[in-house]
PDB file of N, CA and C in Angstrom:
ATOM      1  N   MET A   1      68.379 135.255  43.813  1.00  0.00           N
ATOM      2  CA  MET A   1      66.678 135.093  43.660  1.00  0.00           C
ATOM      3  C   MET A   1      66.879 133.439  44.231  1.00  0.00           C
ATOM      4  N   HIS A   2      67.919 132.368  43.653  1.00  0.00           N
ATOM      5  CA  HIS A   2      67.293 131.422  44.080  1.00  0.00           C
ATOM      6  C   HIS A   2      67.632 130.454  45.275  1.00  0.00           C
ATOM      7  N   ASN A   3      68.387 132.067  46.206  1.00  0.00           N
ATOM      8  CA  ASN A   3      68.522 131.357  47.176  1.00  0.00           C
ATOM      9  C   ASN A   3      67.197 131.606  48.050  1.00  0.00           C
ATOM     10  N   LYS A   4      66.287 132.895  47.425  1.00  0.00           N
ATOM     11  CA  LYS A   4      65.372 132.976  48.140  1.00  0.00           C
ATOM     12  C   LYS A   4      63.969 132.115  48.033  1.00  0.00           C
ATOM     13  N   ILE A   5      64.001 131.702  46.821  1.00  0.00           N
ATOM     14  CA  ILE A   5      63.013 130.122  46.677  1.00  0.00           C
ATOM     15  C   ILE A   5      63.570 129.197  47.337  1.00  0.00           C
ATOM     16  N   LYS A   6      64.745 128.534  47.601  1.00  0.00           N
ATOM     17  CA  LYS A   6      65.319 127.394  48.076  1.00  0.00           C
ATOM     18  C   LYS A   6      64.673 127.659  50.420  1.00  0.00           C
ATOM     19  N   GLN A   7      64.739 129.158  50.533  1.00  0.00           N
ATOM     20  CA  GLN A   7      64.429 129.372  51.620  1.00  0.00           C
ATOM     21  C   GLN A   7      62.994 129.182  52.011  1.00  0.00           C
ATOM     22  N   SER A   8      62.370 129.456  51.026  1.00  0.00           N
ATOM     23  CA  SER A   8      60.775 129.341  50.852  1.00  0.00           C
ATOM     24  C   SER A   8      60.432 128.217  51.311  1.00  0.00           C
ATOM     25  N   LYS A   9      61.001 127.175  50.485  1.00  0.00           N
ATOM     26  CA  LYS A   9      60.689 125.714  50.490  1.00  0.00           C
ATOM     27  C   LYS A   9      60.765 125.167  51.771  1.00  0.00           C
ATOM     28  N   GLU A  10      62.029 125.732  52.107  1.00  0.00           N
ATOM     29  CA  GLU A  10      62.329 125.091  53.558  1.00  0.00           C
ATOM     30  C   GLU A  10      61.621 125.506  54.473  1.00  0.00           C
ATOM     31  N   ILE A  11      60.775 126.963  54.735  1.00  0.00           N
ATOM     32  CA  ILE A  11      59.819 127.118  55.556  1.00  0.00           C
ATOM     33  C   ILE A  11      58.813 126.225  55.609  1.00  0.00           C
ATOM     34  N   VAL A  12      58.012 126.032  54.002  1.00  0.00           N
ATOM     35  CA  VAL A  12      56.896 125.586  54.060  1.00  0.00           C
ATOM     36  C   VAL A  12      56.730 124.357  54.649  1.00  0.00           C
ATOM     37  N   SER A  13      57.589 123.535  54.131  1.00  0.00           N
ATOM     38  CA  SER A  13      58.151 121.824  54.526  1.00  0.00           C
ATOM     39  C   SER A  13      58.433 121.709  56.033  1.00  0.00           C
ATOM     40  N   LYS A  14      58.672 123.372  57.228  1.00  0.00           N
ATOM     41  CA  LYS A  14      58.518 123.115  57.855  1.00  0.00           C
ATOM     42  C   LYS A  14      56.952 123.191  58.764  1.00  0.00           C
ATOM     43  N   LEU A  15      56.272 123.750  58.512  1.00  0.00           N
ATOM     44  CA  LEU A  15      55.265 124.404  58.801  1.00  0.00           C
ATOM     45  C   LEU A  15      54.153 123.095  59.156  1.00  0.00           C
ATOM     46  N   PRO A  16      53.709 122.382  58.590  1.00  0.00           N
ATOM     47  CA  PRO A  16      52.959 120.747  59.236  1.00  0.00           C
ATOM     48  C   PRO A  16      53.759 120.543  59.939  1.00  0.00           C
ATOM     49  N   THR A  17      54.880 120.303  60.645  1.00  0.00           N
ATOM     50  CA  THR A  17      55.392 119.343  61.543  1.00  0.00           C
ATOM     51  C   THR A  17      55.813 120.319  62.488  1.00  0.00           C
ATOM     52  N   GLU A  18      55.669 121.642  62.147  1.00  0.00           N
ATOM     53  CA  GLU A  18      55.307 122.582  63.741  1.00  0.00           C
ATOM     54  C   GLU A  18      53.878 121.940  64.035  1.00  0.00           C
ATOM     55  N   THR A  19      52.851 122.353  62.938  1.00  0.00           N
ATOM     56  CA  THR A  19      51.703 122.823  63.722  1.00  0.00           C
ATOM     57  C   THR A  19      51.057 120.967  64.526  1.00  0.00           C
ATOM     58  N   LEU A  20      51.846 119.868  64.061  1.00  0.00           N
ATOM     59  CA  LEU A  20      51.407 118.730  64.122  1.00  0.00           C
ATOM     60  C   LEU A  20      51.439 118.904  66.187  1.00  0.00           C
ATOM     61  N   PRO A  21      52.595 118.864  66.554  1.00  0.00           N
ATOM     62  CA  PRO A  21      52.631 118.759  67.747  1.00  0.00           C
ATOM     63  C   PRO A  21      51.510 119.315  68.819  1.00  0.00           C
ATOM     64  N   ARG A  22      51.309 120.364  68.249  1.00  0.00           N
ATOM     65  CA  ARG A  22      50.425 121.153  69.206  1.00  0.00           C
ATOM     66  C   ARG A  22      49.284 120.681  68.896  1.00  0.00           C
ATOM     67  N   LYS A  23      48.867 120.383  67.591  1.00  0.00           N
ATOM     68  CA  LYS A  23      46.858 119.661  67.418  1.00  0.00           C
ATOM     69  C   LYS A  23      48.028 118.501  68.610  1.00  0.00           C
ATOM     70  N   MET A  24      48.457 117.480  68.754  1.00  0.00           N
ATOM     71  CA  MET A  24      48.405 116.548  69.600  1.00  0.00           C
ATOM     72  C   MET A  24      48.411 116.789  70.584  1.00  0.00           C
ATOM     73  N   GLU A  25      49.247 117.732  71.245  1.00  0.00           N
ATOM     74  CA  GLU A  25      48.884 117.906  72.528  1.00  0.00           C
ATOM     75  C   GLU A  25      47.533 118.676  72.742  1.00  0.00           C
ATOM     76  N   ALA A  26      46.614 119.097  71.998  1.00  0.00           N
ATOM     77  CA  ALA A  26      45.456 119.673  72.279  1.00  0.00           C
ATOM     78  C   ALA A  26      44.731 118.558  72.630  1.00  0.00           C
ATOM     79  N   GLU A  27      45.123 117.336  71.580  1.00  0.00           N
ATOM     80  CA  GLU A  27      44.228 116.027  71.884  1.00  0.00           C
ATOM     81  C   GLU A  27      44.211 115.308  73.164  1.00  0.00           C
ATOM     82  N   LYS A  28      45.597 115.610  73.875  1.00  0.00           N
ATOM     83  CA  LYS A  28      45.986 114.847  75.178  1.00  0.00           C
ATOM     84  C   LYS A  28      45.201 116.022  76.394  1.00  0.00           C
ATOM     85  N   ARG A  29      44.992 117.080  75.954  1.00  0.00           N
ATOM     86  CA  ARG A  29      44.272 117.631  76.992  1.00  0.00           C
ATOM     87  C   ARG A  29      43.436 117.069  77.790  1.00  0.00           C
ATOM     88  N   ILE A  30      43.506 117.200  78.585  1.00  0.00           N
ATOM     89  CA  ILE A  30      42.197 116.548  79.833  1.00  0.00           C
ATOM     90  C   ILE A  30      41.955 117.838  80.590  1.00  0.00           C
ATOM     91  N   PHE A  31      40.468 117.088  80.213  1.00  0.00           N
ATOM     92  CA  PHE A  31      39.462 118.652  80.967  1.00  0.00           C
ATOM     93  C   PHE A  31      38.472 117.476  81.835  1.00  0.00           C
ATOM     94  N   SER A  32      37.692 118.395  82.567  1.00  0.00           N
ATOM     95  CA  SER A  32      37.050 118.075  84.183  1.00  0.00           C
ATOM     96  C   SER A  32      35.618 118.807  83.401  1.00  0.00           C
ATOM     97  N   SER A  33      34.604 118.004  83.993  1.00  0.00           N
ATOM     98  CA  SER A  33      32.936 118.923  84.030  1.00  0.00           C
ATOM     99  C   SER A  33      32.322 117.752  85.187  1.00  0.00           C
ATOM    100  N   MET A  34      31.920 118.658  86.180  1.00  0.00           N
ATOM    101  CA  MET A  34      30.829 118.003  87.470  1.00  0.00           C
ATOM    102  C   MET A  34      28.978 118.197  86.118  1.00  0.00           C
ATOM    103  N   PHE A  35      28.324 116.701  86.717  1.00  0.00           N
ATOM    104  CA  PHE A  35      26.765 116.821  86.147  1.00  0.00           C
ATOM    105  C   PHE A  35      25.913 116.619  87.148  1.00  0.00           C
ATOM    106  N   GLU A  36      24.633 116.972  86.926  1.00  0.00           N
ATOM    107  CA  GLU A  36      23.791 116.712  87.938  1.00  0.00           C
ATOM    108  C   GLU A  36      22.698 116.081  87.148  1.00  0.00           C
ATOM    109  N   ILE A  37      21.889 115.156  87.205  1.00  0.00           N
ATOM    110  CA  ILE A  37      20.738 114.978  85.455  1.00  0.00           C
ATOM    111  C   ILE A  37      19.306 114.447  86.799  1.00  0.00           C
ATOM    112  N   TYR A  38      18.386 115.405  86.392  1.00  0.00           N
ATOM    113  CA  TYR A  38      17.061 115.106  87.121  1.00  0.00           C
ATOM    114  C   TYR A  38      16.375 113.834  86.434  1.00  0.00           C
ATOM    115  N   GLY A  39      15.351 114.068  86.907  1.00  0.00           N
ATOM    116  CA  GLY A  39      14.351 112.514  86.349  1.00  0.00           C
ATOM    117  C   GLY A  39      14.387 111.472  86.769  1.00  0.00           C
ATOM    118  N   ARG A  40      13.627 110.725  86.312  1.00  0.00           N
ATOM    119  CA  ARG A  40      13.454 108.816  86.983  1.00  0.00           C
ATOM    120  C   ARG A  40      14.758 108.440  86.677  1.00  0.00           C
ATOM    121  N   VAL A  41      15.983 108.630  87.330  1.00  0.00           N
ATOM    122  CA  VAL A  41      17.173 107.920  87.503  1.00  0.00           C
ATOM    123  C   VAL A  41      17.850 107.364  88.233  1.00  0.00           C
ATOM    124  N   GLN A  42      16.682 106.702  89.479  1.00  0.00           N
ATOM    125  CA  GLN A  42      17.108 105.902  90.163  1.00  0.00           C
ATOM    126  C   GLN A  42      16.326 105.360  90.809  1.00  0.00           C
ATOM    127  N   GLY A  43      16.863 103.164  90.452  1.00  0.00           N
ATOM    128  CA  GLY A  43      16.141 102.270  90.752  1.00  0.00           C
ATOM    129  C   GLY A  43      16.066 102.010  89.030  1.00  0.00           C
ATOM    130  N   VAL A  44      16.681 102.270  88.264  1.00  0.00           N
ATOM    131  CA  VAL A  44      16.811 102.343  86.525  1.00  0.00           C
ATOM    132  C   VAL A  44      18.149 102.092  85.891  1.00  0.00           C
ATOM    133  N   TYR A  45      19.313 101.603  86.778  1.00  0.00           N
ATOM    134  CA  TYR A  45      20.297 101.373  86.574  1.00  0.00           C
ATOM    135  C   TYR A  45      21.307 102.696  85.924  1.00  0.00           C
ATOM    136  N   PHE A  46      20.613 103.465  86.027  1.00  0.00           N
ATOM    137  CA  PHE A  46      21.165 105.097  85.378  1.00  0.00           C
ATOM    138  C   PHE A  46      22.862 104.912  85.774  1.00  0.00           C
ATOM    139  N   ARG A  47      23.031 104.593  86.814  1.00  0.00           N
ATOM    140  CA  ARG A  47      25.077 104.999  87.397  1.00  0.00           C
ATOM    141  C   ARG A  47      25.599 103.647  86.626  1.00  0.00           C
ATOM    142  N   LYS A  48      25.181 102.549  86.110  1.00  0.00           N
ATOM    143  CA  LYS A  48      25.401 101.171  85.902  1.00  0.00           C
ATOM    144  C   LYS A  48      25.545 101.869  84.191  1.00  0.00           C
ATOM    145  N   HIS A  49      24.600 102.212  83.539  1.00  0.00           N
ATOM    146  CA  HIS A  49      24.423 102.541  82.298  1.00  0.00           C
ATOM    147  C   HIS A  49      26.121 103.809  82.228  1.00  0.00           C
ATOM    148  N   THR A  50      25.766 104.651  83.015  1.00  0.00           N
ATOM    149  CA  THR A  50      26.839 105.996  82.619  1.00  0.00           C
ATOM    150  C   THR A  50      28.075 105.372  82.876  1.00  0.00           C
ATOM    151  N   GLN A  51      28.463 104.388  83.703  1.00  0.00           N
ATOM    152  CA  GLN A  51      29.701 103.752  83.948  1.00  0.00           C
ATOM    153  C   GLN A  51      30.402 102.982  82.846  1.00  0.00           C
ATOM    154  N   ILE A  52      29.231 102.090  82.227  1.00  0.00           N
ATOM    155  CA  ILE A  52      29.736 101.841  80.947  1.00  0.00           C
ATOM    156  C   ILE A  52      29.725 102.534  79.981  1.00  0.00           C
ATOM    157  N   LYS A  53      29.042 103.312  79.233  1.00  0.00           N
ATOM    158  CA  LYS A  53      29.391 104.548  78.768  1.00  0.00           C
ATOM    159  C   LYS A  53      30.395 105.288  78.724  1.00  0.00           C
ATOM    160  N   ALA A  54      30.694 105.654  79.633  1.00  0.00           N
ATOM    161  CA  ALA A  54      32.322 106.413  80.471  1.00  0.00           C
ATOM    162  C   ALA A  54      33.417 105.918  80.143  1.00  0.00           C
ATOM    163  N   LYS A  55      33.260 104.552  80.222  1.00  0.00           N
ATOM    164  CA  LYS A  55      34.613 103.585  80.376  1.00  0.00           C
ATOM    165  C   LYS A  55      34.983 103.124  78.487  1.00  0.00           C
ATOM    166  N   GLN A  56      33.314 103.012  78.007  1.00  0.00           N
ATOM    167  CA  GLN A  56      33.865 103.221  76.172  1.00  0.00           C
ATOM    168  C   GLN A  56      33.900 104.481  75.902  1.00  0.00           C
ATOM    169  N   LEU A  57      34.233 105.282  76.181  1.00  0.00           N
ATOM    170  CA  LEU A  57      34.444 106.084  76.067  1.00  0.00           C
ATOM    171  C   LEU A  57      36.189 106.519  76.392  1.00  0.00           C
ATOM    172  N   GLY A  58      36.404 105.805  77.088  1.00  0.00           N
ATOM    173  CA  GLY A  58      37.668 106.495  77.598  1.00  0.00           C
ATOM    174  C   GLY A  58      37.809 107.612  78.625  1.00  0.00           C
ATOM    175  N   LEU A  59      36.623 107.619  80.058  1.00  0.00           N
ATOM    176  CA  LEU A  59      36.154 108.700  80.244  1.00  0.00           C
ATOM    177  C   LEU A  59      37.117 108.305  82.224  1.00  0.00           C
ATOM    178  N   ASN A  60      37.276 109.166  82.695  1.00  0.00           N
ATOM    179  CA  ASN A  60      37.319 108.536  84.000  1.00  0.00           C
ATOM    180  C   ASN A  60      36.689 109.884  84.587  1.00  0.00           C
ATOM    181  N   GLY A  61      36.344 108.861  86.015  1.00  0.00           N
ATOM    182  CA  GLY A  61      35.500 110.258  87.077  1.00  0.00           C
ATOM    183  C   GLY A  61      34.467 109.359  88.136  1.00  0.00           C
ATOM    184  N   TRP A  62      33.850 109.618  88.115  1.00  0.00           N
ATOM    185  CA  TRP A  62      32.574 108.775  89.509  1.00  0.00           C
ATOM    186  C   TRP A  62      31.034 109.135  89.215  1.00  0.00           C
ATOM    187  N   CYS A  63      30.085 108.603  89.697  1.00  0.00           N
ATOM    188  CA  CYS A  63      28.669 109.163  89.432  1.00  0.00           C
ATOM    189  C   CYS A  63      27.882 108.202  91.075  1.00  0.00           C
ATOM    190  N   MET A  64      26.919 109.121  91.452  1.00  0.00           N
ATOM    191  CA  MET A  64      26.257 108.289  92.893  1.00  0.00           C
ATOM    192  C   MET A  64      24.962 109.369  92.573  1.00  0.00           C
ATOM    193  N   ASN A  65      24.073 108.296  93.450  1.00  0.00           N
ATOM    194  CA  ASN A  65      22.921 108.730  93.972  1.00  0.00           C
ATOM    195  C   ASN A  65      22.520 109.724  94.509  1.00  0.00           C
ATOM    196  N   THR A  66      22.227 110.992  94.406  1.00  0.00           N
ATOM    197  CA  THR A  66      21.587 111.981  95.624  1.00  0.00           C
ATOM    198  C   THR A  66      20.837 111.293  96.599  1.00  0.00           C
ATOM    199  N   GLN A  67      20.207 112.211  97.777  1.00  0.00           N
ATOM    200  CA  GLN A  67      18.938 111.903  98.320  1.00  0.00           C
ATOM    201  C   GLN A  67      18.023 112.778  97.978  1.00  0.00           C
ATOM    202  N   GLU A  68      18.046 113.496  96.807  1.00  0.00           N
ATOM    203  CA  GLU A  68      17.142 114.496  96.040  1.00  0.00           C
ATOM    204  C   GLU A  68      16.978 113.747  94.990  1.00  0.00           C
ATOM    205  N   GLY A  69      16.817 112.424  94.595  1.00  0.00           N
ATOM    206  CA  GLY A  69      16.351 111.658  93.767  1.00  0.00           C
ATOM    207  C   GLY A  69      17.280 112.264  92.481  1.00  0.00           C
ATOM    208  N   THR A  70      18.506 112.725  92.419  1.00  0.00           N
ATOM    209  CA  THR A  70      19.329 112.925  91.062  1.00  0.00           C
ATOM    210  C   THR A  70      20.379 112.203  91.509  1.00  0.00           C
ATOM    211  N   VAL A  71      21.079 111.958  89.836  1.00  0.00           N
ATOM    212  CA  VAL A  71      22.286 111.468  89.942  1.00  0.00           C
ATOM    213  C   VAL A  71      23.650 112.210  89.707  1.00  0.00           C
ATOM    214  N   LYS A  72      24.169 112.600  90.372  1.00  0.00           N
ATOM    215  CA  LYS A  72      25.315 113.934  90.192  1.00  0.00           C
ATOM    216  C   LYS A  72      26.867 113.245  89.928  1.00  0.00           C
ATOM    217  N   GLY A  73      28.082 113.211  89.355  1.00  0.00           N
ATOM    218  CA  GLY A  73      29.034 113.130  89.310  1.00  0.00           C
ATOM    219  C   GLY A  73      30.331 113.987  88.503  1.00  0.00           C
ATOM    220  N   ILE A  74      31.297 113.226  87.986  1.00  0.00           N
ATOM    221  CA  ILE A  74      32.524 114.146  87.837  1.00  0.00           C
ATOM    222  C   ILE A  74      33.008 113.600  86.563  1.00  0.00           C
ATOM    223  N   MET A  75      33.262 114.106  85.770  1.00  0.00           N
ATOM    224  CA  MET A  75      34.055 113.309  84.846  1.00  0.00           C
ATOM    225  C   MET A  75      35.062 113.836  84.108  1.00  0.00           C
ATOM    226  N   GLU A  76      36.277 112.647  83.581  1.00  0.00           N
ATOM    227  CA  GLU A  76      37.428 114.157  82.956  1.00  0.00           C
ATOM    228  C   GLU A  76      38.087 112.989  81.976  1.00  0.00           C
ATOM    229  N   GLY A  77      38.181 113.680  81.101  1.00  0.00           N
ATOM    230  CA  GLY A  77      39.167 113.257  79.953  1.00  0.00           C
ATOM    231  C   GLY A  77      39.146 114.229  78.610  1.00  0.00           C
ATOM    232  N   PRO A  78      39.265 113.630  77.253  1.00  0.00           N
ATOM    233  CA  PRO A  78      39.428 114.612  76.099  1.00  0.00           C
ATOM    234  C   PRO A  78      37.740 115.785  76.117  1.00  0.00           C
ATOM    235  N   GLN A  79      38.278 116.689  75.335  1.00  0.00           N
ATOM    236  CA  GLN A  79      37.104 117.238  75.093  1.00  0.00           C
ATOM    237  C   GLN A  79      36.063 117.033  74.285  1.00  0.00           C
ATOM    238  N   ASP A  80      36.371 116.315  73.162  1.00  0.00           N
ATOM    239  CA  ASP A  80      35.183 115.514  72.610  1.00  0.00           C
ATOM    240  C   ASP A  80      34.643 114.686  73.233  1.00  0.00           C
ATOM    241  N   MET A  81      35.320 113.541  73.754  1.00  0.00           N
ATOM    242  CA  MET A  81      34.352 112.546  74.425  1.00  0.00           C
ATOM    243  C   MET A  81      33.376 113.179  75.490  1.00  0.00           C
ATOM    244  N   LEU A  82      34.011 114.154  76.428  1.00  0.00           N
ATOM    245  CA  LEU A  82      33.140 114.518  77.540  1.00  0.00           C
ATOM    246  C   LEU A  82      32.108 114.860  76.427  1.00  0.00           C
ATOM    247  N   SER A  83      32.275 115.620  75.653  1.00  0.00           N
ATOM    248  CA  SER A  83      30.882 115.830  74.739  1.00  0.00           C
ATOM    249  C   SER A  83      29.625 115.126  74.546  1.00  0.00           C
ATOM    250  N   GLU A  84      30.700 114.139  73.547  1.00  0.00           N
ATOM    251  CA  GLU A  84      30.302 112.878  73.875  1.00  0.00           C
ATOM    252  C   GLU A  84      29.207 112.457  74.725  1.00  0.00           C
ATOM    253  N   MET A  85      29.922 112.203  75.863  1.00  0.00           N
ATOM    254  CA  MET A  85      29.100 111.862  77.018  1.00  0.00           C
ATOM    255  C   MET A  85      28.766 112.859  77.300  1.00  0.00           C
ATOM    256  N   ARG A  86      28.654 113.851  77.631  1.00  0.00           N
ATOM    257  CA  ARG A  86      27.273 115.277  77.617  1.00  0.00           C
ATOM    258  C   ARG A  86      25.531 114.870  77.076  1.00  0.00           C
ATOM    259  N   LEU A  87      26.240 114.548  75.911  1.00  0.00           N
ATOM    260  CA  LEU A  87      24.753 114.317  74.657  1.00  0.00           C
ATOM    261  C   LEU A  87      23.674 113.328  75.504  1.00  0.00           C
ATOM    262  N   TRP A  88      24.642 112.342  75.607  1.00  0.00           N
ATOM    263  CA  TRP A  88      24.480 110.607  76.046  1.00  0.00           C
ATOM    264  C   TRP A  88      23.643 110.753  77.546  1.00  0.00           C
ATOM    265  N   LEU A  89      24.331 111.660  78.329  1.00  0.00           N
ATOM    266  CA  LEU A  89      23.730 112.006  79.842  1.00  0.00           C
ATOM    267  C   LEU A  89      22.182 113.063  79.440  1.00  0.00           C
ATOM    268  N   GLN A  90      22.330 114.005  78.164  1.00  0.00           N
ATOM    269  CA  GLN A  90      21.282 114.581  78.548  1.00  0.00           C
ATOM    270  C   GLN A  90      19.931 113.752  77.492  1.00  0.00           C
ATOM    271  N   HIS A  91      20.193 113.043  76.337  1.00  0.00           N
ATOM    272  CA  HIS A  91      19.209 112.723  75.675  1.00  0.00           C
ATOM    273  C   HIS A  91      19.270 110.838  75.624  1.00  0.00           C
ATOM    274  N   LYS A  92      20.255 110.148  76.587  1.00  0.00           N
ATOM    275  CA  LYS A  92      19.732 108.995  76.147  1.00  0.00           C
ATOM    276  C   LYS A  92      19.827 108.157  77.805  1.00  0.00           C
ATOM    277  N   GLY A  93      20.751 108.239  78.274  1.00  0.00           N
ATOM    278  CA  GLY A  93      20.947 107.418  79.731  1.00  0.00           C
ATOM    279  C   GLY A  93      20.621 105.580  79.588  1.00  0.00           C
ATOM    280  N   SER A  94      19.973 105.428  81.052  1.00  0.00           N
ATOM    281  CA  SER A  94      19.771 103.872  80.415  1.00  0.00           C
ATOM    282  C   SER A  94      17.998 103.724  80.308  1.00  0.00           C
ATOM    283  N   PRO A  95      17.841 102.532  79.549  1.00  0.00           N
ATOM    284  CA  PRO A  95      16.673 102.172  78.954  1.00  0.00           C
ATOM    285  C   PRO A  95      15.824 102.743  79.598  1.00  0.00           C
ATOM    286  N   ARG A  96      15.578 102.522  80.937  1.00  0.00           N
ATOM    287  CA  ARG A  96      14.171 103.022  81.843  1.00  0.00           C
ATOM    288  C   ARG A  96      14.330 104.032  81.862  1.00  0.00           C
ATOM    289  N   SER A  97      15.325 104.877  81.891  1.00  0.00           N
ATOM    290  CA  SER A  97      15.314 106.194  82.707  1.00  0.00           C
ATOM    291  C   SER A  97      14.412 107.536  81.811  1.00  0.00           C
ATOM    292  N   ILE A  98      14.123 108.297  82.843  1.00  0.00           N
ATOM    293  CA  ILE A  98      13.294 109.580  81.784  1.00  0.00           C
ATOM    294  C   ILE A  98      14.201 110.734  82.343  1.00  0.00           C
ATOM    295  N   ILE A  99      15.033 111.593  81.488  1.00  0.00           N
ATOM    296  CA  ILE A  99      15.950 112.448  81.771  1.00  0.00           C
ATOM    297  C   ILE A  99      14.817 113.814  81.643  1.00  0.00           C
ATOM    298  N   GLU A 100      14.644 114.904  83.258  1.00  0.00           N
ATOM    299  CA  GLU A 100      14.025 116.138  82.621  1.00  0.00           C
ATOM    300  C   GLU A 100      14.952 117.177  82.410  1.00  0.00           C
ATOM    301  N   LYS A 101      16.130 116.885  83.159  1.00  0.00           N
ATOM    302  CA  LYS A 101      17.000 117.795  83.349  1.00  0.00           C
ATOM    303  C   LYS A 101      18.208 117.652  83.211  1.00  0.00           C
ATOM    304  N   ALA A 102      19.472 117.926  82.848  1.00  0.00           N
ATOM    305  CA  ALA A 102      20.996 117.789  82.569  1.00  0.00           C
ATOM    306  C   ALA A 102      21.597 118.982  82.926  1.00  0.00           C
ATOM    307  N   VAL A 103      22.172 119.335  83.766  1.00  0.00           N
ATOM    308  CA  VAL A 103      23.241 120.376  84.564  1.00  0.00           C
ATOM    309  C   VAL A 103      24.280 120.259  84.575  1.00  0.00           C
ATOM    310  N   PHE A 104      25.076 120.827  83.978  1.00  0.00           N
ATOM    311  CA  PHE A 104      26.843 120.344  83.388  1.00  0.00           C
ATOM    312  C   PHE A 104      27.412 121.652  83.906  1.00  0.00           C
ATOM    313  N   THR A 105      28.927 121.733  84.411  1.00  0.00           N
ATOM    314  CA  THR A 105      29.683 122.860  84.231  1.00  0.00           C
ATOM    315  C   THR A 105      30.386 122.802  83.340  1.00  0.00           C
ATOM    316  N   PRO A 106      30.690 124.078  83.139  1.00  0.00           N
ATOM    317  CA  PRO A 106      31.808 123.943  81.513  1.00  0.00           C
ATOM    318  C   PRO A 106      32.883 123.051  81.879  1.00  0.00           C
ATOM    319  N   PHE A 107      33.129 122.932  80.567  1.00  0.00           N
ATOM    320  CA  PHE A 107      34.881 122.097  80.817  1.00  0.00           C
ATOM    321  C   PHE A 107      35.755 122.422  81.173  1.00  0.00           C
ATOM    322  N   GLU A 108      36.728 122.479  82.649  1.00  0.00           N
ATOM    323  CA  GLU A 108      37.868 123.373  82.938  1.00  0.00           C
ATOM    324  C   GLU A 108      39.193 122.178  82.667  1.00  0.00           C
ATOM    325  N   PRO A 109      40.261 122.719  82.267  1.00  0.00           N
ATOM    326  CA  PRO A 109      41.481 121.904  82.291  1.00  0.00           C
ATOM    327  C   PRO A 109      42.014 121.515  83.468  1.00  0.00           C
ATOM    328  N   VAL A 110      42.850 120.395  83.450  1.00  0.00           N
ATOM    329  CA  VAL A 110      43.169 119.710  84.429  1.00  0.00           C
ATOM    330  C   VAL A 110      44.773 119.635  84.611  1.00  0.00           C
ATOM    331  N   LEU A 111      45.471 119.599  85.301  1.00  0.00           N
ATOM    332  CA  LEU A 111      46.647 119.618  85.013  1.00  0.00           C
ATOM    333  C   LEU A 111      47.398 117.954  85.101  1.00  0.00           C
ATOM    334  N   HIS A 112      46.439 117.673  85.964  1.00  0.00           N
ATOM    335  CA  HIS A 112      47.016 115.918  85.929  1.00  0.00           C
ATOM    336  C   HIS A 112      45.328 115.089  86.128  1.00  0.00           C
ATOM    337  N   GLN A 113      45.405 114.249  85.778  1.00  0.00           N
ATOM    338  CA  GLN A 113      43.743 113.192  86.020  1.00  0.00           C
ATOM    339  C   GLN A 113      44.396 113.130  87.426  1.00  0.00           C
ATOM    340  N   ASN A 114      42.314 112.929  87.791  1.00  0.00           N
ATOM    341  CA  ASN A 114      42.197 112.653  89.078  1.00  0.00           C
ATOM    342  C   ASN A 114      42.081 111.334  89.617  1.00  0.00           C
ATOM    343  N   TYR A 115      41.511 110.837  88.451  1.00  0.00           N
ATOM    344  CA  TYR A 115      40.937 109.327  89.013  1.00  0.00           C
ATOM    345  C   TYR A 115      41.372 108.753  87.887  1.00  0.00           C
ATOM    346  N   HIS A 116      41.730 107.757  88.120  1.00  0.00           N
ATOM    347  CA  HIS A 116      42.276 106.330  86.888  1.00  0.00           C
ATOM    348  C   HIS A 116      40.781 105.624  86.360  1.00  0.00           C
ATOM    349  N   SER A 117      39.875 105.712  86.844  1.00  0.00           N
ATOM    350  CA  SER A 117      38.663 104.673  86.197  1.00  0.00           C
ATOM    351  C   SER A 117      37.352 105.482  86.595  1.00  0.00           C
ATOM    352  N   PHE A 118      36.094 104.727  86.192  1.00  0.00           N
ATOM    353  CA  PHE A 118      34.969 105.591  86.275  1.00  0.00           C
ATOM    354  C   PHE A 118      34.289 104.631  87.177  1.00  0.00           C
ATOM    355  N   SER A 119      34.094 105.731  88.535  1.00  0.00           N
ATOM    356  CA  SER A 119      33.546 104.204  89.781  1.00  0.00           C
ATOM    357  C   SER A 119      32.414 104.767  90.077  1.00  0.00           C
ATOM    358  N   ILE A 120      31.386 103.751  90.853  1.00  0.00           N
ATOM    359  CA  ILE A 120      29.949 104.116  91.297  1.00  0.00           C
ATOM    360  C   ILE A 120      30.195 104.475  92.592  1.00  0.00           C
ATOM    361  N   LYS A 121      30.007 105.780  93.398  1.00  0.00           N
ATOM    362  CA  LYS A 121      29.766 106.050  94.610  1.00  0.00           C
ATOM    363  C   LYS A 121      28.756 105.891  95.489  1.00  0.00           C
ATOM    364  N   ARG A 122      28.801 104.977  96.196  1.00  0.00           N
ATOM    365  CA  ARG A 122      27.420 104.812  97.311  1.00  0.00           C
ATOM    366  C   ARG A 122      27.095 105.472  98.388  1.00  0.00           C
TER     367      ARG A 122
END
């Protein structure tokens, strides 16, 4: 009986450390999402503000104006930071922008980062 209790304690003491690496591994995973923002988003420093916000969140990727008057791009980073950036792109943007619609692709896992900063394409 004493032997069974000792084994149980050993198993319980190992459980938290076994789940910790999995949690850390999930936090390190990188995801990617493309976006396109519609509305008054050109001529209002939308790309510059997007770059600043992405850098604050530690995201990489790019954004650019399109001939259709939208801003599109791609962002890579941890899933929680991508979610925060999505909300910012949907509801805030630059101070003078008027966002009518924001379209995003689902988060896709990325094996390795394709970008090392967040840039503005011209």
